[in-house]
Amino acid sequence: MMQQKGNFRHGASEALRAYIIELPYEGEALSMYILLPPFAPDAIQETISRLNASSLREAMDQNQLYHDKIEVGLPRFKIQQTIQLNKVTTAPPSDSTTKTNQHLLDKVIGIDMDKS
């Protein structure tokens, strides 16, 4: 279990019906955000159904979060994924594949590289 006391940004998201806390990594250049649905039946499913790029961006808005000294406790966890690459690497990506992948990435992070 990881436990830490400190000043963290946190708040409540009405759009997601969840509590959100920002846990910055060293240097604060990168953060992990944790969504905590209320302790109620089907609350996790409701938060997941409301989760999209817009609602997440709104929840992460620095003007919506406030600093407080709080104690955070999280169980240790590991995220792992296996991806089969042989189909991907058999041919170079076409221009349409590259544009599709960029569009998906833009939707997730909310940045339009064509307009930057």
C-alpha atoms as a PDB file:
ATOM      1  CA  MET A   1       0.000   0.000   0.000  1.00  0.00           C
ATOM      2  CA  MET A   2       1.320   3.422  -0.965  1.00  0.00           C
ATOM      3  CA  GLN A   3       0.430   6.131   1.516  1.00  0.00           C
ATOM      4  CA  GLN A   4       1.388   9.754   1.286  1.00  0.00           C
ATOM      5  CA  LYS A   5       0.417  13.007   2.960  1.00  0.00           C
ATOM      6  CA  GLY A   6       0.720  16.152   0.928  1.00  0.00           C
ATOM      7  CA  ASN A   7      -0.936  18.994  -0.928  1.00  0.00           C
ATOM      8  CA  PHE A   8      -2.883  17.509  -3.790  1.00  0.00           C
ATOM      9  CA  ARG A   9      -5.381  18.966  -6.239  1.00  0.00           C
ATOM     10  CA  HIS A  10      -8.794  17.375  -5.940  1.00  0.00           C
ATOM     11  CA  GLY A  11     -12.455  18.039  -6.412  1.00  0.00           C
ATOM     12  CA  ALA A  12     -15.830  16.670  -7.433  1.00  0.00           C
ATOM     13  CA  SER A  13     -17.004  16.277 -11.021  1.00  0.00           C
ATOM     14  CA  GLU A  14     -20.739  16.636 -11.477  1.00  0.00           C
ATOM     15  CA  ALA A  15     -20.423  15.541 -15.121  1.00  0.00           C
ATOM     16  CA  LEU A  16     -18.800  12.245 -14.109  1.00  0.00           C
ATOM     17  CA  ARG A  17     -20.505  11.998 -10.737  1.00  0.00           C
ATOM     18  CA  ALA A  18     -17.152  11.150  -9.230  1.00  0.00           C
ATOM     19  CA  TYR A  19     -14.436  12.591  -7.047  1.00  0.00           C
ATOM     20  CA  ILE A  20     -11.114  13.287  -8.808  1.00  0.00           C
ATOM     21  CA  ILE A  21      -7.623  13.589  -7.372  1.00  0.00           C
ATOM     22  CA  GLU A  22      -4.403  14.504  -9.174  1.00  0.00           C
ATOM     23  CA  LEU A  23      -1.238  12.703  -8.129  1.00  0.00           C
ATOM     24  CA  PRO A  24       1.746  14.429  -9.754  1.00  0.00           C
ATOM     25  CA  TYR A  25       4.900  12.518 -10.488  1.00  0.00           C
ATOM     26  CA  GLU A  26       8.261  14.013  -9.542  1.00  0.00           C
ATOM     27  CA  GLY A  27       8.658  17.442 -11.106  1.00  0.00           C
ATOM     28  CA  GLU A  28       4.905  17.785 -11.758  1.00  0.00           C
ATOM     29  CA  ALA A  29       5.425  17.448 -15.540  1.00  0.00           C
ATOM     30  CA  LEU A  30       3.208  14.352 -15.528  1.00  0.00           C
ATOM     31  CA  SER A  31       0.270  13.435 -13.312  1.00  0.00           C
ATOM     32  CA  MET A  32      -1.969  10.474 -12.682  1.00  0.00           C
ATOM     33  CA  TYR A  33      -5.636  11.305 -12.157  1.00  0.00           C
ATOM     34  CA  ILE A  34      -7.810   8.962 -10.150  1.00  0.00           C
ATOM     35  CA  LEU A  35     -11.596   8.950 -10.418  1.00  0.00           C
ATOM     36  CA  LEU A  36     -13.478   7.765  -7.354  1.00  0.00           C
ATOM     37  CA  PRO A  37     -17.180   7.062  -7.883  1.00  0.00           C
ATOM     38  CA  PRO A  38     -19.409   7.229  -4.799  1.00  0.00           C
ATOM     39  CA  PHE A  39     -20.034   4.088  -2.769  1.00  0.00           C
ATOM     40  CA  ALA A  40     -23.393   3.244  -4.295  1.00  0.00           C
ATOM     41  CA  PRO A  41     -24.794   0.421  -6.393  1.00  0.00           C
ATOM     42  CA  ASP A  42     -23.805   0.748 -10.069  1.00  0.00           C
ATOM     43  CA  ALA A  43     -21.834   3.970  -9.386  1.00  0.00           C
ATOM     44  CA  ILE A  44     -18.766   2.678 -11.234  1.00  0.00           C
ATOM     45  CA  GLN A  45     -20.826   1.800 -14.311  1.00  0.00           C
ATOM     46  CA  GLU A  46     -22.503   5.226 -14.237  1.00  0.00           C
ATOM     47  CA  THR A  47     -19.139   7.018 -14.069  1.00  0.00           C
ATOM     48  CA  ILE A  48     -17.780   4.872 -16.916  1.00  0.00           C
ATOM     49  CA  SER A  49     -20.863   5.576 -19.050  1.00  0.00           C
ATOM     50  CA  ARG A  50     -20.377   9.339 -18.530  1.00  0.00           C
ATOM     51  CA  LEU A  51     -16.625   9.214 -19.237  1.00  0.00           C
ATOM     52  CA  ASN A  52     -15.542  10.775 -22.526  1.00  0.00           C
ATOM     53  CA  ALA A  53     -12.817  13.194 -23.637  1.00  0.00           C
ATOM     54  CA  SER A  54     -14.929  16.257 -22.854  1.00  0.00           C
ATOM     55  CA  SER A  55     -16.093  15.169 -19.394  1.00  0.00           C
ATOM     56  CA  LEU A  56     -12.572  14.051 -18.452  1.00  0.00           C
ATOM     57  CA  ARG A  57     -11.026  17.307 -19.667  1.00  0.00           C
ATOM     58  CA  GLU A  58     -13.632  19.237 -17.654  1.00  0.00           C
ATOM     59  CA  ALA A  59     -12.926  17.171 -14.526  1.00  0.00           C
ATOM     60  CA  MET A  60      -9.173  17.728 -14.902  1.00  0.00           C
ATOM     61  CA  ASP A  61      -9.562  21.505 -15.370  1.00  0.00           C
ATOM     62  CA  GLN A  62      -7.195  23.167 -12.918  1.00  0.00           C
ATOM     63  CA  ASN A  63      -9.826  25.821 -12.142  1.00  0.00           C
ATOM     64  CA  GLN A  64     -12.183  23.075 -10.915  1.00  0.00           C
ATOM     65  CA  LEU A  65      -9.632  21.468  -8.584  1.00  0.00           C
ATOM     66  CA  TYR A  66      -8.352  22.924  -5.344  1.00  0.00           C
ATOM     67  CA  HIS A  67      -5.280  22.263  -3.205  1.00  0.00           C
ATOM     68  CA  ASP A  68      -5.626  20.734   0.227  1.00  0.00           C
ATOM     69  CA  LYS A  69      -3.377  18.783   2.508  1.00  0.00           C
ATOM     70  CA  ILE A  70      -4.762  15.253   2.448  1.00  0.00           C
ATOM     71  CA  GLU A  71      -3.584  11.710   3.014  1.00  0.00           C
ATOM     72  CA  VAL A  72      -3.811   9.353   0.057  1.00  0.00           C
ATOM     73  CA  GLY A  73      -3.609   5.568   0.253  1.00  0.00           C
ATOM     74  CA  LEU A  74      -3.487   3.375  -2.840  1.00  0.00           C
ATOM     75  CA  PRO A  75      -2.865  -0.334  -3.250  1.00  0.00           C
ATOM     76  CA  ARG A  76       0.129  -1.209  -5.402  1.00  0.00           C
ATOM     77  CA  PHE A  77      -0.870  -2.193  -8.911  1.00  0.00           C
ATOM     78  CA  LYS A  78       0.661  -3.040 -12.236  1.00  0.00           C
ATOM     79  CA  ILE A  79      -0.833  -2.450 -15.677  1.00  0.00           C
ATOM     80  CA  GLN A  80       0.277  -4.817 -18.391  1.00  0.00           C
ATOM     81  CA  GLN A  81      -0.849  -5.369 -21.974  1.00  0.00           C
ATOM     82  CA  THR A  82       0.289  -7.674 -24.761  1.00  0.00           C
ATOM     83  CA  ILE A  83       0.015  -6.453 -28.337  1.00  0.00           C
ATOM     84  CA  GLN A  84       0.576  -8.662 -31.367  1.00  0.00           C
ATOM     85  CA  LEU A  85       2.742  -6.613 -33.733  1.00  0.00           C
ATOM     86  CA  ASN A  86       3.306  -8.984 -36.665  1.00  0.00           C
ATOM     87  CA  LYS A  87       0.249  -7.688 -38.591  1.00  0.00           C
ATOM     88  CA  VAL A  88       1.173  -4.089 -37.918  1.00  0.00           C
ATOM     89  CA  THR A  89       4.781  -4.439 -39.070  1.00  0.00           C
ATOM     90  CA  THR A  90       4.171  -6.439 -42.277  1.00  0.00           C
ATOM     91  CA  ALA A  91       3.545  -3.280 -44.315  1.00  0.00           C
ATOM     92  CA  PRO A  92       4.366   0.384 -43.793  1.00  0.00           C
ATOM     93  CA  PRO A  93       1.369   2.439 -42.682  1.00  0.00           C
ATOM     94  CA  SER A  94      -0.630   4.093 -45.409  1.00  0.00           C
ATOM     95  CA  ASP A  95      -1.409   7.784 -45.276  1.00  0.00           C
ATOM     96  CA  SER A  96      -5.050   7.003 -44.368  1.00  0.00           C
ATOM     97  CA  THR A  97      -3.964   4.714 -41.499  1.00  0.00           C
ATOM     98  CA  THR A  98      -1.672   7.419 -40.150  1.00  0.00           C
ATOM     99  CA  LYS A  99      -4.464  10.004 -40.342  1.00  0.00           C
ATOM    100  CA  THR A 100      -6.931   7.631 -38.645  1.00  0.00           C
ATOM    101  CA  ASN A 101      -4.470   6.891 -35.828  1.00  0.00           C
ATOM    102  CA  GLN A 102      -3.744  10.611 -35.406  1.00  0.00           C
ATOM    103  CA  HIS A 103      -7.489  11.355 -35.293  1.00  0.00           C
ATOM    104  CA  LEU A 104      -7.983   8.763 -32.529  1.00  0.00           C
ATOM    105  CA  LEU A 105      -5.057  10.178 -30.561  1.00  0.00           C
ATOM    106  CA  ASP A 106      -6.420  13.713 -31.019  1.00  0.00           C
ATOM    107  CA  LYS A 107      -9.805  12.604 -29.631  1.00  0.00           C
ATOM    108  CA  VAL A 108      -8.231  11.001 -26.567  1.00  0.00           C
ATOM    109  CA  ILE A 109      -5.943  13.882 -25.609  1.00  0.00           C
ATOM    110  CA  GLY A 110      -8.031  16.694 -27.082  1.00  0.00           C
ATOM    111  CA  ILE A 111      -5.358  18.169 -29.368  1.00  0.00           C
ATOM    112  CA  ASP A 112      -5.770  18.781 -33.084  1.00  0.00           C
ATOM    113  CA  MET A 113      -2.288  18.594 -34.602  1.00  0.00           C
ATOM    114  CA  ASP A 114      -3.552  19.990 -37.936  1.00  0.00           C
ATOM    115  CA  LYS A 115      -4.552  23.232 -36.198  1.00  0.00           C
ATOM    116  CA  SER A 116      -1.484  23.557 -33.936  1.00  0.00           C
END
